[in-house]
C-alpha atoms as a PDB file:
ATOM      1  CA  MET A   1       0.511 -64.593 -49.504  1.00  0.00           C
ATOM      2  CA  HIS A   2       4.353 -62.856 -49.035  1.00  0.00           C
ATOM      3  CA  PHE A   3       4.168 -63.959 -45.469  1.00  0.00           C
ATOM      4  CA  CYS A   4       5.866 -65.455 -43.345  1.00  0.00           C
ATOM      5  CA  ALA A   5       3.194 -67.647 -40.684  1.00  0.00           C
ATOM      6  CA  ALA A   6       6.341 -68.171 -38.568  1.00  0.00           C
ATOM      7  CA  PHE A   7       7.111 -64.535 -38.123  1.00  0.00           C
ATOM      8  CA  GLY A   8       3.759 -63.745 -37.966  1.00  0.00           C
ATOM      9  CA  MET A   9       3.070 -66.117 -34.908  1.00  0.00           C
ATOM     10  CA  ARG A  10       5.555 -64.907 -33.042  1.00  0.00           C
ATOM     11  CA  GLY A  11       4.616 -61.584 -33.556  1.00  0.00           C
ATOM     12  CA  LEU A  12       8.101 -60.300 -35.651  1.00  0.00           C
ATOM     13  CA  PHE A  13       8.169 -58.026 -37.562  1.00  0.00           C
ATOM     14  CA  ASN A  14      12.109 -56.754 -37.295  1.00  0.00           C
ATOM     15  CA  PHE A  15      14.988 -58.655 -37.997  1.00  0.00           C
ATOM     16  CA  GLY A  16      16.732 -57.116 -35.254  1.00  0.00           C
ATOM     17  CA  SER A  17      16.435 -56.809 -32.016  1.00  0.00           C
ATOM     18  CA  GLU A  18      15.511 -53.756 -29.437  1.00  0.00           C
ATOM     19  CA  VAL A  19      16.233 -53.784 -26.357  1.00  0.00           C
ATOM     20  CA  GLY A  20      13.358 -51.773 -24.021  1.00  0.00           C
ATOM     21  CA  ARG A  21      10.731 -51.847 -27.098  1.00  0.00           C
ATOM     22  CA  THR A  22       7.611 -50.361 -25.717  1.00  0.00           C
ATOM     23  CA  ASP A  23       4.680 -50.994 -28.383  1.00  0.00           C
ATOM     24  CA  SER A  24       1.702 -49.057 -28.519  1.00  0.00           C
ATOM     25  CA  ALA A  25      -1.924 -50.040 -29.169  1.00  0.00           C
ATOM     26  CA  LEU A  26      -2.373 -49.661 -32.792  1.00  0.00           C
ATOM     27  CA  GLN A  27       1.003 -52.338 -33.296  1.00  0.00           C
ATOM     28  CA  ALA A  28      -0.741 -54.423 -30.443  1.00  0.00           C
ATOM     29  CA  GLU A  29      -3.165 -54.530 -33.472  1.00  0.00           C
ATOM     30  CA  PHE A  30      -1.359 -54.721 -36.142  1.00  0.00           C
ATOM     31  CA  ARG A  31       0.558 -58.218 -34.713  1.00  0.00           C
ATOM     32  CA  ALA A  32      -3.088 -59.428 -33.776  1.00  0.00           C
ATOM     33  CA  GLU A  33      -3.694 -59.397 -37.426  1.00  0.00           C
ATOM     34  CA  ASP A  34      -0.334 -60.496 -38.248  1.00  0.00           C
ATOM     35  CA  ARG A  35      -1.436 -63.854 -36.465  1.00  0.00           C
ATOM     36  CA  LYS A  36      -4.585 -64.343 -37.725  1.00  0.00           C
ATOM     37  CA  LYS A  37      -3.171 -64.420 -41.328  1.00  0.00           C
ATOM     38  CA  ALA A  38      -0.144 -66.396 -39.789  1.00  0.00           C
ATOM     39  CA  LEU A  39      -3.172 -69.118 -38.710  1.00  0.00           C
ATOM     40  CA  GLN A  40      -4.785 -68.528 -42.466  1.00  0.00           C
ATOM     41  CA  ILE A  41      -1.992 -69.492 -43.600  1.00  0.00           C
ATOM     42  CA  ILE A  42      -1.568 -72.646 -41.501  1.00  0.00           C
ATOM     43  CA  VAL A  43      -4.368 -74.006 -41.831  1.00  0.00           C
ATOM     44  CA  TYR A  44      -5.119 -73.285 -45.995  1.00  0.00           C
ATOM     45  CA  SER A  45      -1.691 -76.158 -46.162  1.00  0.00           C
ATOM     46  CA  VAL A  46      -2.500 -78.252 -43.786  1.00  0.00           C
ATOM     47  CA  LEU A  47      -6.053 -78.426 -46.177  1.00  0.00           C
ATOM     48  CA  ALA A  48      -3.992 -78.388 -48.943  1.00  0.00           C
ATOM     49  CA  GLY A  49      -1.799 -81.439 -47.735  1.00  0.00           C
ATOM     50  CA  LEU A  50      -4.597 -83.152 -46.844  1.00  0.00           C
ATOM     51  CA  ILE A  51      -6.472 -83.167 -50.247  1.00  0.00           C
ATOM     52  CA  VAL A  52      -3.092 -83.533 -52.096  1.00  0.00           C
ATOM     53  CA  ALA A  53      -2.720 -86.867 -49.422  1.00  0.00           C
ATOM     54  CA  SER A  54      -6.326 -87.679 -49.937  1.00  0.00           C
ATOM     55  CA  ILE A  55      -5.654 -87.701 -54.148  1.00  0.00           C
ATOM     56  CA  ALA A  56      -2.697 -89.952 -53.960  1.00  0.00           C
ATOM     57  CA  TYR A  57      -3.970 -92.210 -51.341  1.00  0.00           C
ATOM     58  CA  PHE A  58      -7.202 -92.994 -53.954  1.00  0.00           C
ATOM     59  CA  VAL A  59      -5.555 -93.030 -57.391  1.00  0.00           C
ATOM     60  CA  SER A  60      -3.071 -95.160 -56.169  1.00  0.00           C
END
C-alpha cells in the first residue's frame, strides 16, 4: 500500500497550499475514498501490532 495514512485522513493530496481552492464533487468522493483507505491501513497496523505483542507475550 503506497499511501500516506496521515495525508489520507487529513484529505491532503498536494504539498503546496492553495488559497481559495474549491473542490468538485468528484474530488470530494476521492477524498472520502482516501480516508477509507487510510482507516484501513490504521486498522491493519493496530491488528498487526496486537498479534505481534500477543506472540511476544506468550512466547516469553
